[in-house]
Protein backbone atom coordinates (compact mmCIF):
# COMPACT_ATOMS: atom_id res chain seq x y z
CA MET A 1 65.41 119.04 92.81
CA GLU A 2 66.79 119.70 96.28
CA TRP A 3 69.06 117.25 98.06
CA THR A 4 66.66 116.97 101.00
CA SER A 5 64.01 115.59 98.67
CA VAL A 6 66.25 112.68 97.54
CA ASP A 7 64.95 109.31 98.75
CA LEU A 8 67.69 107.76 100.90
CA ASP A 9 66.68 104.28 99.71
CA ASN A 10 68.10 105.33 96.33
CA CYS A 11 71.23 106.97 97.75
CA PRO A 12 74.44 105.34 96.46
CA VAL A 13 76.28 106.22 99.69
CA VAL A 14 73.73 104.28 101.73
CA ARG A 15 73.97 101.32 99.34
CA ALA A 16 77.78 101.40 99.42
CA LEU A 17 77.85 101.55 103.23
CA ASP A 18 75.62 98.47 103.32
CA VAL A 19 78.53 96.64 101.67
CA VAL A 20 81.69 98.35 102.99
CA GLY A 21 80.49 100.25 106.06
CA SER A 22 81.92 97.80 108.57
CA ARG A 23 85.22 98.66 110.23
CA TRP A 24 86.48 95.13 109.57
CA THR A 25 85.67 95.30 105.86
CA LEU A 26 87.80 98.43 105.39
CA LEU A 27 90.62 97.05 107.53
CA VAL A 28 90.65 93.74 105.64
CA LEU A 29 90.76 95.67 102.37
CA ARG A 30 93.67 97.75 103.74
CA GLU A 31 95.56 94.54 104.57
CA MET A 32 94.97 93.09 101.10
CA PHE A 33 95.90 96.37 99.39
CA ASN A 34 99.20 96.17 101.30
CA GLY A 35 99.97 92.61 100.20
CA VAL A 36 98.58 90.58 103.12
CA HIS A 37 96.42 87.85 101.56
CA ARG A 38 96.46 84.74 103.73
CA PHE A 39 93.71 84.29 106.30
CA GLU A 40 96.13 83.57 109.14
CA ASP A 41 98.25 86.63 108.33
CA ILE A 42 95.22 88.94 108.09
CA GLN A 43 93.80 87.54 111.33
CA GLN A 44 97.08 87.86 113.20
CA HIS A 45 97.89 91.38 111.98
CA LEU A 46 94.40 92.74 112.71
CA GLY A 47 93.89 90.81 115.94
CA VAL A 48 90.36 89.91 114.82
CA SER A 49 88.70 86.66 115.86
CA THR A 50 88.63 83.89 113.28
CA SER A 51 84.82 83.82 113.33
CA VAL A 52 84.53 87.56 112.63
CA LEU A 53 87.14 87.39 109.86
CA SER A 54 85.55 84.30 108.29
CA ARG A 55 82.15 85.99 108.25
CA ARG A 56 83.56 89.24 106.87
CA LEU A 57 85.52 87.50 104.08
CA ALA A 58 82.44 85.47 103.12
CA GLU A 59 80.37 88.67 102.89
CA MET A 60 83.12 90.39 100.90
CA ALA A 61 83.24 87.45 98.49
CA GLU A 62 79.44 87.51 98.18
CA HIS A 63 79.62 91.18 97.16
CA GLY A 64 82.44 90.55 94.68
CA LEU A 65 85.16 92.35 96.68
CA VAL A 66 87.51 89.37 97.11
CA ASP A 67 88.46 86.25 95.21
CA ARG A 68 89.28 83.17 97.24
CA ILE A 69 92.32 81.37 95.84
CA PRO A 70 93.29 77.97 97.25
CA TYR A 71 96.91 77.15 98.04
CA ARG A 72 98.67 74.33 99.85
CA ASP A 73 101.99 74.62 101.65
CA GLU A 74 104.00 71.39 101.56
CA GLY A 75 102.71 68.91 104.12
CA ARG A 76 99.71 71.07 105.09
CA ARG A 77 96.02 71.09 104.27
CA GLU A 78 94.62 73.33 101.56
CA ARG A 79 94.01 76.91 102.68
CA SER A 80 92.90 80.10 100.99
CA GLU A 81 94.39 83.40 100.02
CA TYR A 82 92.09 86.34 99.49
CA ARG A 83 92.79 88.77 96.67
CA PRO A 84 91.00 92.05 96.05
CA THR A 85 88.93 92.09 92.87
CA PRO A 86 88.90 95.00 90.42
CA ILE A 87 85.82 96.43 92.14
CA ALA A 88 87.63 96.28 95.48
CA TRP A 89 90.56 98.18 93.95
CA GLU A 90 88.09 100.93 93.08
CA LEU A 91 87.84 101.45 96.86
CA TYR A 92 91.60 102.01 97.18
CA PRO A 93 91.27 105.81 96.94
CA VAL A 94 88.61 105.67 99.67
CA VAL A 95 90.95 103.75 102.01
CA VAL A 96 93.82 106.11 101.14
CA GLY A 97 91.57 109.10 101.81
CA LEU A 98 90.62 107.72 105.23
CA MET A 99 94.28 107.03 106.01
CA GLN A 100 95.34 110.53 105.03
CA TRP A 101 92.47 112.14 106.93
CA GLY A 102 93.44 110.10 110.02
CA ASP A 103 97.07 111.17 109.67
CA ARG A 104 96.07 114.84 109.38
CA HIS A 105 93.52 114.94 112.17
CA LEU A 106 94.09 112.02 114.53
CA THR A 107 97.86 111.55 114.65
CA GLY A 108 99.59 112.86 117.72
CA PRO A 109 103.30 113.36 118.31
CA ASN A 110 103.77 109.77 119.48
CA ARG A 111 101.98 108.05 116.62
CA PRO A 112 103.50 106.81 113.37
CA THR A 113 102.32 108.21 110.07
CA VAL A 114 101.97 106.58 106.68
CA GLN A 115 102.69 108.34 103.43
CA LEU A 116 102.18 107.22 99.86
CA VAL A 117 104.71 108.36 97.30
CA GLN A 118 104.93 107.82 93.57
CA THR A 119 107.72 105.26 93.21
CA SER A 120 109.25 106.80 90.09
CA THR A 121 109.43 110.38 91.43
CA GLY A 122 109.31 110.07 95.22
CA LYS A 123 106.58 112.73 95.26
CA PRO A 124 103.78 112.40 97.82
CA VAL A 125 100.43 111.20 96.50
CA VAL A 126 97.13 112.45 97.91
CA ALA A 127 93.55 111.27 97.58
CA ALA A 128 91.66 113.99 95.72
CA LEU A 129 88.76 114.69 93.42
CA VAL A 130 90.02 115.15 89.88
CA THR A 131 88.50 115.46 86.45
CA ALA A 132 87.78 112.19 84.68
CA ASP A 133 90.61 112.75 82.19
CA ALA A 134 93.26 113.55 84.82
CA THR A 135 96.41 111.45 85.11
CA THR A 136 96.12 109.14 88.09
CA CYS A 137 98.47 106.75 89.87
CA THR A 138 97.73 103.06 90.00
CA PRO A 139 98.57 101.13 93.17
CA ALA A 140 101.55 99.65 91.32
CA ASP A 141 102.92 103.20 90.92
CA LEU A 142 103.03 103.77 94.69
CA THR A 143 105.34 103.05 97.60
CA VAL A 144 104.13 103.09 101.20
CA LEU A 145 106.45 104.87 103.64
CA THR A 146 105.97 104.73 107.38
CA SER A 147 107.53 106.88 110.03
CA GLU A 148 108.23 105.94 113.60
CA PRO A 149 106.58 108.00 116.33
CA ASP A 150 108.60 110.73 117.97
CA LYS A 151 109.92 109.58 121.32
């Protein structure tokens, strides 16, 4: 069977993009993967409107990408933190791949770069296709390093 004869309605890439194809979905996942979980913190860091973020988080919860966890700071009303689910963590290599592609092809001399390194060795980590039995790093094995842009 040739690829051009594959029905796009049955294409897993099309189905995945229906769920995660929005810019805001990937950016919200990036924030959560980097430890930003509270609505206000995500909203402030991304500069996204509260209505867009609320809608996106509701859609992400509907698709099983985030868990909503209530919390209450002393003297304040109950609010929510959003935590990535195990299926969201499966998208971590996708987000890392996009980040690394952007650093390779879209970073100029005055832009910061981000690098992932294995915490125990300090060696850079790359998003790659590997055999199913290959040793992989979990997010807990990694440290995010940023560099300042050249002035």
